């Protein structure tokens, strides 16, 4: 959890985060314990929403969109769910279509965050 809090702090986004939640399962256990992972994820997301969260941003891609579909989650939770595969693509698409260049600093942050998310140690707890 300290690792994720550090990423949020590094990008100056602490004031936008209500809290973090965990499903309680390690990455290798997600498929075998799918129903429990989904139940825990939804319960943690609802807890965060009660605390004032206006959207849920799952960390990484293993839980959402791989094991839990973001549209399904949005229907259950009533708030937007940002998924890590489509969000960077949708963010980059307008810059490409208009043939403008995105701010290099912002692109570096996206690339760096993608690196951190995709290169976690397999024993790290999966978080929302």
C-alpha atoms as a PDB file:
ATOM      1  CA  UNK A   1       0.000   0.000   0.000  1.00  0.00           C
ATOM      2  CA  UNK A   2       2.878   2.363   0.747  1.00  0.00           C
ATOM      3  CA  UNK A   3       4.107   1.846  -2.827  1.00  0.00           C
ATOM      4  CA  UNK A   4       0.784   3.045  -4.287  1.00  0.00           C
ATOM      5  CA  UNK A   5       0.493   5.940  -1.878  1.00  0.00           C
ATOM      6  CA  UNK A   6       3.991   6.961  -2.973  1.00  0.00           C
ATOM      7  CA  UNK A   7       2.954   7.009  -6.639  1.00  0.00           C
ATOM      8  CA  UNK A   8      -0.064   9.178  -5.848  1.00  0.00           C
ATOM      9  CA  UNK A   9       2.075  11.538  -3.738  1.00  0.00           C
ATOM     10  CA  UNK A  10       4.732  11.710  -6.456  1.00  0.00           C
ATOM     11  CA  UNK A  11       2.176  12.976  -8.971  1.00  0.00           C
ATOM     12  CA  UNK A  12       0.693  15.470  -6.514  1.00  0.00           C
ATOM     13  CA  UNK A  13      -2.712  13.793  -6.525  1.00  0.00           C
ATOM     14  CA  UNK A  14      -3.145  13.032  -2.806  1.00  0.00           C
ATOM     15  CA  UNK A  15      -5.887  15.628  -2.408  1.00  0.00           C
ATOM     16  CA  UNK A  16      -7.954  13.790  -5.062  1.00  0.00           C
ATOM     17  CA  UNK A  17      -7.812  10.371  -3.381  1.00  0.00           C
ATOM     18  CA  UNK A  18     -10.375   9.430  -0.741  1.00  0.00           C
ATOM     19  CA  UNK A  19      -8.616   6.214   0.288  1.00  0.00           C
ATOM     20  CA  UNK A  20      -7.281   2.915  -1.025  1.00  0.00           C
ATOM     21  CA  UNK A  21      -8.947  -0.470  -0.796  1.00  0.00           C
ATOM     22  CA  UNK A  22      -7.716  -4.027  -1.141  1.00  0.00           C
ATOM     23  CA  UNK A  23      -9.375  -7.221  -2.300  1.00  0.00           C
ATOM     24  CA  UNK A  24      -7.074  -9.300  -0.101  1.00  0.00           C
ATOM     25  CA  UNK A  25      -5.781 -11.645  -2.800  1.00  0.00           C
ATOM     26  CA  UNK A  26      -2.408 -12.003  -4.437  1.00  0.00           C
ATOM     27  CA  UNK A  27      -2.166 -11.856  -8.219  1.00  0.00           C
ATOM     28  CA  UNK A  28      -1.784 -15.637  -8.750  1.00  0.00           C
ATOM     29  CA  UNK A  29      -5.014 -16.272  -6.793  1.00  0.00           C
ATOM     30  CA  UNK A  30      -7.338 -13.983  -8.760  1.00  0.00           C
ATOM     31  CA  UNK A  31      -8.614 -16.542 -11.279  1.00  0.00           C
ATOM     32  CA  UNK A  32      -9.069 -19.384  -8.793  1.00  0.00           C
ATOM     33  CA  UNK A  33     -10.951 -17.158  -6.319  1.00  0.00           C
ATOM     34  CA  UNK A  34     -12.797 -15.047  -8.896  1.00  0.00           C
ATOM     35  CA  UNK A  35     -16.146 -14.755  -7.096  1.00  0.00           C
ATOM     36  CA  UNK A  36     -14.517 -13.744  -3.808  1.00  0.00           C
ATOM     37  CA  UNK A  37     -12.292 -11.215  -5.603  1.00  0.00           C
ATOM     38  CA  UNK A  38     -15.323  -9.640  -7.290  1.00  0.00           C
ATOM     39  CA  UNK A  39     -17.298  -9.539  -4.031  1.00  0.00           C
ATOM     40  CA  UNK A  40     -14.385  -7.972  -2.120  1.00  0.00           C
ATOM     41  CA  UNK A  41     -13.713  -5.486  -4.914  1.00  0.00           C
ATOM     42  CA  UNK A  42     -17.344  -4.333  -5.006  1.00  0.00           C
ATOM     43  CA  UNK A  43     -17.516  -4.076  -1.207  1.00  0.00           C
ATOM     44  CA  UNK A  44     -14.312  -2.043  -1.024  1.00  0.00           C
ATOM     45  CA  UNK A  45     -15.469   0.218  -3.860  1.00  0.00           C
ATOM     46  CA  UNK A  46     -18.795   0.823  -2.086  1.00  0.00           C
ATOM     47  CA  UNK A  47     -16.895   1.685   1.097  1.00  0.00           C
ATOM     48  CA  UNK A  48     -14.825   4.229  -0.835  1.00  0.00           C
ATOM     49  CA  UNK A  49     -17.947   5.711  -2.418  1.00  0.00           C
ATOM     50  CA  UNK A  50     -19.511   6.116   1.039  1.00  0.00           C
ATOM     51  CA  UNK A  51     -16.363   8.027   2.006  1.00  0.00           C
ATOM     52  CA  UNK A  52     -16.931  10.394  -0.917  1.00  0.00           C
ATOM     53  CA  UNK A  53     -15.213   8.760  -3.894  1.00  0.00           C
ATOM     54  CA  UNK A  54     -16.735   9.977  -7.168  1.00  0.00           C
ATOM     55  CA  UNK A  55     -14.965   7.383  -9.304  1.00  0.00           C
ATOM     56  CA  UNK A  56     -13.032   4.163  -8.845  1.00  0.00           C
ATOM     57  CA  UNK A  57      -9.565   3.754 -10.366  1.00  0.00           C
ATOM     58  CA  UNK A  58      -8.371   0.148 -10.122  1.00  0.00           C
ATOM     59  CA  UNK A  59      -4.590  -0.091  -9.970  1.00  0.00           C
ATOM     60  CA  UNK A  60      -3.229  -2.249 -12.772  1.00  0.00           C
ATOM     61  CA  UNK A  61      -5.228  -4.377 -15.178  1.00  0.00           C
ATOM     62  CA  UNK A  62      -5.476  -7.756 -13.471  1.00  0.00           C
ATOM     63  CA  UNK A  63      -8.705  -7.060 -11.612  1.00  0.00           C
ATOM     64  CA  UNK A  64     -10.307  -4.602 -14.013  1.00  0.00           C
ATOM     65  CA  UNK A  65     -10.702  -5.062 -16.964  1.00  0.00           C
ATOM     66  CA  UNK A  66      -9.280  -8.633 -17.028  1.00  0.00           C
ATOM     67  CA  UNK A  67     -11.339 -10.309 -14.263  1.00  0.00           C
ATOM     68  CA  UNK A  68     -14.032  -7.668 -13.708  1.00  0.00           C
ATOM     69  CA  UNK A  69     -15.523  -5.707 -16.602  1.00  0.00           C
ATOM     70  CA  UNK A  70     -15.597  -1.934 -15.992  1.00  0.00           C
ATOM     71  CA  UNK A  71     -19.104  -1.494 -17.469  1.00  0.00           C
ATOM     72  CA  UNK A  72     -20.442  -4.150 -15.117  1.00  0.00           C
ATOM     73  CA  UNK A  73     -18.774  -2.396 -12.165  1.00  0.00           C
ATOM     74  CA  UNK A  74     -20.141   0.997 -13.172  1.00  0.00           C
ATOM     75  CA  UNK A  75     -23.663  -0.432 -13.300  1.00  0.00           C
ATOM     76  CA  UNK A  76     -23.277  -1.922  -9.805  1.00  0.00           C
ATOM     77  CA  UNK A  77     -21.572   1.089  -8.229  1.00  0.00           C
ATOM     78  CA  UNK A  78     -23.224   4.051  -9.931  1.00  0.00           C
ATOM     79  CA  UNK A  79     -19.896   5.870 -10.435  1.00  0.00           C
ATOM     80  CA  UNK A  80     -17.370   5.833 -13.296  1.00  0.00           C
ATOM     81  CA  UNK A  81     -14.718   3.105 -13.248  1.00  0.00           C
ATOM     82  CA  UNK A  82     -11.459   3.949 -15.017  1.00  0.00           C
ATOM     83  CA  UNK A  83      -9.651   0.948 -16.470  1.00  0.00           C
ATOM     84  CA  UNK A  84      -5.922   0.936 -17.158  1.00  0.00           C
ATOM     85  CA  UNK A  85      -5.906  -0.377 -20.721  1.00  0.00           C
ATOM     86  CA  UNK A  86      -8.422   1.902 -22.405  1.00  0.00           C
ATOM     87  CA  UNK A  87      -7.835   5.095 -20.430  1.00  0.00           C
ATOM     88  CA  UNK A  88      -4.325   5.883 -21.780  1.00  0.00           C
ATOM     89  CA  UNK A  89      -5.431   5.019 -25.318  1.00  0.00           C
ATOM     90  CA  UNK A  90      -8.481   7.289 -25.091  1.00  0.00           C
ATOM     91  CA  UNK A  91      -6.304  10.034 -23.612  1.00  0.00           C
ATOM     92  CA  UNK A  92      -3.783   9.826 -26.457  1.00  0.00           C
ATOM     93  CA  UNK A  93      -6.274   9.453 -29.319  1.00  0.00           C
ATOM     94  CA  UNK A  94      -7.440  13.094 -29.540  1.00  0.00           C
ATOM     95  CA  UNK A  95      -3.845  14.336 -29.712  1.00  0.00           C
ATOM     96  CA  UNK A  96      -3.130  11.931 -32.559  1.00  0.00           C
ATOM     97  CA  UNK A  97      -6.350  12.727 -34.436  1.00  0.00           C
ATOM     98  CA  UNK A  98      -5.765  16.472 -34.285  1.00  0.00           C
ATOM     99  CA  UNK A  99      -2.089  15.979 -35.139  1.00  0.00           C
ATOM    100  CA  UNK A 100      -1.086  18.007 -32.115  1.00  0.00           C
ATOM    101  CA  UNK A 101       1.550  16.952 -29.700  1.00  0.00           C
ATOM    102  CA  UNK A 102       0.629  16.248 -26.128  1.00  0.00           C
ATOM    103  CA  UNK A 103       2.760  17.852 -23.468  1.00  0.00           C
ATOM    104  CA  UNK A 104       5.935  15.679 -23.273  1.00  0.00           C
ATOM    105  CA  UNK A 105       5.951  15.891 -19.473  1.00  0.00           C
ATOM    106  CA  UNK A 106       2.413  14.445 -19.307  1.00  0.00           C
ATOM    107  CA  UNK A 107       3.335  11.622 -21.685  1.00  0.00           C
ATOM    108  CA  UNK A 108       6.380  10.817 -19.562  1.00  0.00           C
ATOM    109  CA  UNK A 109       4.160  10.567 -16.477  1.00  0.00           C
ATOM    110  CA  UNK A 110       1.778   8.215 -18.277  1.00  0.00           C
ATOM    111  CA  UNK A 111       4.647   6.036 -19.473  1.00  0.00           C
ATOM    112  CA  UNK A 112       6.258   5.981 -16.035  1.00  0.00           C
ATOM    113  CA  UNK A 113       3.000   5.148 -14.271  1.00  0.00           C
ATOM    114  CA  UNK A 114       2.319   2.372 -16.795  1.00  0.00           C
ATOM    115  CA  UNK A 115       5.791   0.995 -16.064  1.00  0.00           C
ATOM    116  CA  UNK A 116       5.180   0.973 -12.305  1.00  0.00           C
ATOM    117  CA  UNK A 117       1.774  -0.664 -12.650  1.00  0.00           C
ATOM    118  CA  UNK A 118       2.966  -3.350 -15.055  1.00  0.00           C
ATOM    119  CA  UNK A 119       6.176  -4.189 -13.189  1.00  0.00           C
ATOM    120  CA  UNK A 120       4.923  -4.858  -9.665  1.00  0.00           C
ATOM    121  CA  UNK A 121       6.325  -7.751  -7.716  1.00  0.00           C
ATOM    122  CA  UNK A 122       3.933 -10.734  -7.966  1.00  0.00           C
ATOM    123  CA  UNK A 123       3.652 -10.961  -4.172  1.00  0.00           C
ATOM    124  CA  UNK A 124       2.357  -7.404  -3.744  1.00  0.00           C
ATOM    125  CA  UNK A 125      -1.291  -7.265  -2.645  1.00  0.00           C
ATOM    126  CA  UNK A 126      -3.651  -6.299  -5.435  1.00  0.00           C
ATOM    127  CA  UNK A 127      -5.349  -2.998  -4.669  1.00  0.00           C
ATOM    128  CA  UNK A 128      -8.192  -0.905  -5.939  1.00  0.00           C
END
